N, C-alpha and C. Protein backbone atom coordinates (compact mmCIF):
# COMPACT_ATOMS: atom_id res chain seq x y z
N MET A 1 2.16 -33.92 17.51
CA MET A 1 1.19 -33.19 16.72
C MET A 1 0.01 -34.12 16.46
N THR A 2 -1.18 -33.65 16.76
CA THR A 2 -2.35 -34.47 16.53
C THR A 2 -2.71 -34.45 15.05
N GLN A 3 -3.62 -35.33 14.67
CA GLN A 3 -3.99 -35.42 13.26
C GLN A 3 -4.69 -34.14 12.80
N GLU A 4 -5.52 -33.55 13.66
CA GLU A 4 -6.21 -32.31 13.30
C GLU A 4 -5.23 -31.16 13.09
N GLN A 5 -4.23 -31.04 13.95
CA GLN A 5 -3.22 -30.00 13.79
C GLN A 5 -2.41 -30.22 12.51
N TYR A 6 -2.13 -31.47 12.20
CA TYR A 6 -1.40 -31.77 10.99
C TYR A 6 -2.20 -31.38 9.74
N ILE A 7 -3.50 -31.67 9.75
CA ILE A 7 -4.36 -31.32 8.61
C ILE A 7 -4.43 -29.81 8.45
N LEU A 8 -4.61 -29.08 9.55
CA LEU A 8 -4.69 -27.62 9.49
C LEU A 8 -3.36 -27.01 9.04
N ALA A 9 -2.26 -27.59 9.48
CA ALA A 9 -0.95 -27.06 9.11
C ALA A 9 -0.64 -27.33 7.65
N ALA A 10 -1.15 -28.42 7.11
CA ALA A 10 -0.88 -28.78 5.72
C ALA A 10 -1.68 -27.93 4.74
N GLN A 11 -2.81 -27.37 5.20
CA GLN A 11 -3.64 -26.56 4.31
C GLN A 11 -3.01 -25.18 4.12
N PRO A 12 -3.11 -24.65 2.90
CA PRO A 12 -2.58 -23.29 2.69
C PRO A 12 -3.44 -22.26 3.42
N ASN A 13 -2.84 -21.10 3.70
CA ASN A 13 -3.57 -20.03 4.37
C ASN A 13 -4.72 -19.56 3.51
N THR A 14 -5.83 -19.32 4.14
CA THR A 14 -6.96 -18.77 3.40
C THR A 14 -6.76 -17.28 3.20
N LEU A 15 -7.56 -16.70 2.32
CA LEU A 15 -7.42 -15.28 2.02
C LEU A 15 -7.68 -14.42 3.24
N SER A 16 -8.66 -14.80 4.06
CA SER A 16 -8.97 -13.99 5.24
C SER A 16 -7.80 -13.98 6.22
N GLN A 17 -7.10 -15.10 6.36
CA GLN A 17 -5.95 -15.14 7.26
C GLN A 17 -4.83 -14.26 6.74
N ARG A 18 -4.60 -14.27 5.40
CA ARG A 18 -3.55 -13.44 4.82
C ARG A 18 -3.88 -11.96 4.94
N VAL A 19 -5.16 -11.62 4.79
CA VAL A 19 -5.57 -10.22 4.91
C VAL A 19 -5.33 -9.72 6.32
N HIS A 20 -5.69 -10.54 7.31
CA HIS A 20 -5.50 -10.12 8.71
C HIS A 20 -4.01 -10.00 9.04
N GLN A 21 -3.20 -10.87 8.51
CA GLN A 21 -1.77 -10.79 8.78
C GLN A 21 -1.17 -9.55 8.11
N GLY A 22 -1.60 -9.26 6.87
CA GLY A 22 -1.06 -8.13 6.15
C GLY A 22 -1.57 -6.80 6.67
N ALA A 23 -2.76 -6.78 7.23
CA ALA A 23 -3.34 -5.52 7.71
C ALA A 23 -2.55 -4.97 8.90
N GLN A 24 -1.97 -5.85 9.68
CA GLN A 24 -1.20 -5.38 10.82
C GLN A 24 0.14 -4.79 10.37
N ALA A 25 0.71 -5.33 9.31
CA ALA A 25 2.02 -4.88 8.89
C ALA A 25 1.94 -3.65 7.99
N TYR A 26 0.97 -3.61 7.09
CA TYR A 26 0.88 -2.53 6.10
C TYR A 26 -0.51 -1.88 6.15
N PRO A 27 -0.66 -0.76 6.85
CA PRO A 27 -1.96 -0.08 6.86
C PRO A 27 -2.28 0.50 5.49
N VAL A 28 -3.53 0.44 5.11
CA VAL A 28 -3.96 0.93 3.81
C VAL A 28 -4.66 2.27 4.01
N GLY A 29 -4.30 3.25 3.19
CA GLY A 29 -4.94 4.55 3.28
C GLY A 29 -3.96 5.67 3.03
N ILE A 30 -4.52 6.88 3.01
CA ILE A 30 -3.72 8.08 2.82
C ILE A 30 -3.71 8.83 4.14
N TYR A 31 -2.52 9.15 4.62
CA TYR A 31 -2.40 9.80 5.92
C TYR A 31 -1.54 11.05 5.82
N GLY A 32 -1.75 11.98 6.75
CA GLY A 32 -0.88 13.13 6.91
C GLY A 32 -1.02 14.17 5.82
N TRP A 33 0.14 14.68 5.37
CA TRP A 33 0.15 15.79 4.42
C TRP A 33 -0.39 15.36 3.06
N ARG A 34 -0.30 14.09 2.71
CA ARG A 34 -0.83 13.63 1.42
C ARG A 34 -2.36 13.77 1.40
N LYS A 35 -2.99 13.46 2.52
CA LYS A 35 -4.45 13.59 2.59
C LYS A 35 -4.86 15.05 2.51
N ARG A 36 -4.12 15.92 3.20
CA ARG A 36 -4.43 17.36 3.13
C ARG A 36 -4.25 17.90 1.73
N CYS A 37 -3.20 17.47 1.04
CA CYS A 37 -2.98 17.92 -0.34
C CYS A 37 -4.08 17.41 -1.25
N LEU A 38 -4.51 16.19 -1.06
CA LEU A 38 -5.59 15.63 -1.87
C LEU A 38 -6.88 16.40 -1.64
N TYR A 39 -7.21 16.69 -0.39
CA TYR A 39 -8.42 17.48 -0.10
C TYR A 39 -8.32 18.88 -0.68
N PHE A 40 -7.13 19.50 -0.60
CA PHE A 40 -6.94 20.83 -1.17
C PHE A 40 -7.12 20.80 -2.69
N PHE A 41 -6.58 19.77 -3.34
CA PHE A 41 -6.71 19.64 -4.79
C PHE A 41 -8.17 19.45 -5.20
N ILE A 42 -8.92 18.64 -4.46
CA ILE A 42 -10.34 18.44 -4.75
C ILE A 42 -11.11 19.74 -4.55
N LEU A 43 -10.81 20.47 -3.49
CA LEU A 43 -11.46 21.75 -3.23
C LEU A 43 -11.13 22.76 -4.33
N LEU A 44 -9.89 22.79 -4.77
CA LEU A 44 -9.48 23.68 -5.85
C LEU A 44 -10.22 23.35 -7.15
N LEU A 45 -10.36 22.07 -7.46
CA LEU A 45 -11.11 21.67 -8.65
C LEU A 45 -12.58 22.07 -8.55
N LEU A 46 -13.17 21.91 -7.38
CA LEU A 46 -14.56 22.28 -7.18
C LEU A 46 -14.76 23.78 -7.36
N VAL A 47 -13.90 24.58 -6.77
CA VAL A 47 -14.00 26.04 -6.91
C VAL A 47 -13.80 26.44 -8.37
N THR A 48 -12.84 25.82 -9.06
CA THR A 48 -12.61 26.12 -10.47
C THR A 48 -13.84 25.80 -11.31
N MET A 49 -14.49 24.68 -11.04
CA MET A 49 -15.70 24.31 -11.79
C MET A 49 -16.82 25.31 -11.56
N ILE A 50 -16.99 25.74 -10.32
CA ILE A 50 -18.08 26.68 -10.00
C ILE A 50 -17.82 28.03 -10.66
N VAL A 51 -16.58 28.51 -10.59
CA VAL A 51 -16.24 29.79 -11.22
C VAL A 51 -16.41 29.69 -12.74
N ASN A 52 -15.99 28.59 -13.32
CA ASN A 52 -16.13 28.39 -14.76
C ASN A 52 -17.60 28.41 -15.16
N LEU A 53 -18.45 27.74 -14.43
CA LEU A 53 -19.88 27.72 -14.73
C LEU A 53 -20.49 29.11 -14.58
N ALA A 54 -20.10 29.82 -13.53
CA ALA A 54 -20.63 31.17 -13.30
C ALA A 54 -20.20 32.11 -14.43
N LEU A 55 -18.94 32.04 -14.84
CA LEU A 55 -18.47 32.90 -15.93
C LEU A 55 -19.15 32.56 -17.25
N THR A 56 -19.39 31.29 -17.50
CA THR A 56 -20.09 30.88 -18.72
C THR A 56 -21.50 31.45 -18.76
N ILE A 57 -22.22 31.34 -17.66
CA ILE A 57 -23.58 31.89 -17.60
C ILE A 57 -23.56 33.41 -17.75
N TRP A 58 -22.59 34.06 -17.10
CA TRP A 58 -22.47 35.52 -17.21
C TRP A 58 -22.19 35.96 -18.65
N ILE A 59 -21.30 35.25 -19.34
CA ILE A 59 -20.99 35.59 -20.73
C ILE A 59 -22.22 35.38 -21.61
N LEU A 60 -22.95 34.31 -21.38
CA LEU A 60 -24.16 34.07 -22.17
C LEU A 60 -25.18 35.19 -21.98
N LYS A 61 -25.33 35.72 -20.77
CA LYS A 61 -26.27 36.81 -20.51
C LYS A 61 -25.78 38.12 -21.11
N VAL A 62 -24.48 38.41 -20.97
CA VAL A 62 -23.93 39.67 -21.47
C VAL A 62 -23.99 39.72 -23.00
N MET A 63 -23.70 38.60 -23.66
CA MET A 63 -23.70 38.57 -25.12
C MET A 63 -25.10 38.39 -25.70
N ASN A 64 -26.10 38.26 -24.85
CA ASN A 64 -27.50 38.11 -25.27
C ASN A 64 -27.72 36.90 -26.19
N PHE A 65 -27.11 35.80 -25.88
CA PHE A 65 -27.37 34.59 -26.65
C PHE A 65 -28.75 34.06 -26.28
N THR A 66 -29.47 33.56 -27.28
CA THR A 66 -30.80 32.99 -27.04
C THR A 66 -30.89 31.64 -27.74
N VAL A 67 -31.89 30.88 -27.36
CA VAL A 67 -32.12 29.59 -27.99
C VAL A 67 -32.80 29.80 -29.35
N VAL A 68 -33.66 30.83 -29.43
CA VAL A 68 -34.40 31.10 -30.66
C VAL A 68 -33.49 31.87 -31.63
N SER A 69 -33.44 31.39 -32.88
CA SER A 69 -32.67 32.12 -33.89
C SER A 69 -33.62 32.95 -34.75
N TYR A 70 -33.24 34.15 -35.07
CA TYR A 70 -34.07 35.02 -35.88
C TYR A 70 -33.55 34.99 -37.33
N PRO A 71 -34.49 34.86 -38.29
CA PRO A 71 -34.03 34.81 -39.69
C PRO A 71 -33.55 36.13 -40.21
């Protein structure tokens, strides 16, 4: 073993080396049915928010609420 190899072997692994080693063994992310369920849940929340806003505006118009108060 040369002196340079000994110095490199004695140094602890750097973070970038550990990340590259771990990335091959454990992929990070959401895959398959979990991703589809997450997208469906986000879509459901978006639709619920839009319907809620539309119903709120409709109720305000039907009940004739105004910003100006009459004495």
